[in-house]
């Protein structure tokens, strides 16, 4: 998987110069020292920042042209290699495909003056804490966990918000635009890139659990940090069983839970066929579109830099989608359970009610929910919510 191609540009550009999104120059002592050691003689003025920002957000130029122009405007001359620590959540750890792709980039990045320290994590809660502590300069994690750092992009995975891959593609195209740049910064953090991870489906160990009514009384794995799932499960009379991303599949495979929401790409990697055998199935109706998000510390990756990386993520959307399709194709057709349209409508009503409740509680971002509703109506203008919007 060529995941590291997406943030190669980030470290490359960050090695050129450090600028802030604000017009005023307010570098920390560490930033000042780093800038002086890596780009000696560069005088970072408000006028220079303005020029750099204009180039960074100019989509009429190619990525390489923008990098070259930004370096020339800054009067950049290479000094000592810049060090960046990228932390990557990969369920397989150091032998996983995402980590291996990152490792393969080290030699290339050294040519650009970047010394990359890559660390693999199998525990997503730990990677989030290490990003907060500054141990990681940037971290790759699921969008659900990423909500801790940016509520706007953390709402991408809202239940029922994006019914299909095409909805996700349009959304990511919007978010890759410079017009969305301000939304990508929240507090000390900046979104460096967002990638699709496929739809979240409902895996069941008994095919008779094919309606909401039949799920009543069943045990459902929910993420221990995501109240969305627990609330929806309780609404249908089922029992939520708090789990983390690693333990949930094991609980399903061992029969501890009857129901597991998961992307199709997890079928083979996490051996979910063990939990499906012999009488289970997968309800052929995605409840959400899952995202992976690369989140950086703003003092290490200014938003002008992050803008180019976000565009690189989106430009590689089709490559990720091809890989997701290959993994999804490994799921045998006989596992899929088709459900009636009436049941799908019931799901939609329940999911919208959950989104509205969580919006009022401040868990979901209202602006992202509105954007998702506009995309749903762009694709299908006959939806009732298009004439009478509540999101």
Foldseek 3Di string as FASTA:
>chain_A
DQVVVLCLLQQLLLLLAFAAPDLQGDADPVRVVSRCQFFNPFDDHSVLNVVLLVLLQPPVDDLVVSSVVNNVSRVGDGGAAAEAEEEEADLVFCVGPVNVSNVVCQVVSVVSRHHYHYGYDNAQVVQVVCQVVVVHQKYKDWLCVVCVFAQLSNCQFQWPLQFDPVLVLVVLVVCLHPVNLVSQHDPQKGWLAKAWDAFWWKKFQALVCQFLQSQAAFEEEDEQVDVLVCVLCVVSNYHYDHDHPLVQLVCLLVVVGGMYTDGLLCCPVSVSVSSNPPHIAIEPGGRGIMMMTMMGGCSSGHSSSSSSSHVSNSVCRVVVVVVSVVSNVVDDPVRYDYDDPVRVVVSNVSSVVSVVVCVVVVNHPPVSSVVSVVSVCVVPVVDPCNVPPPD
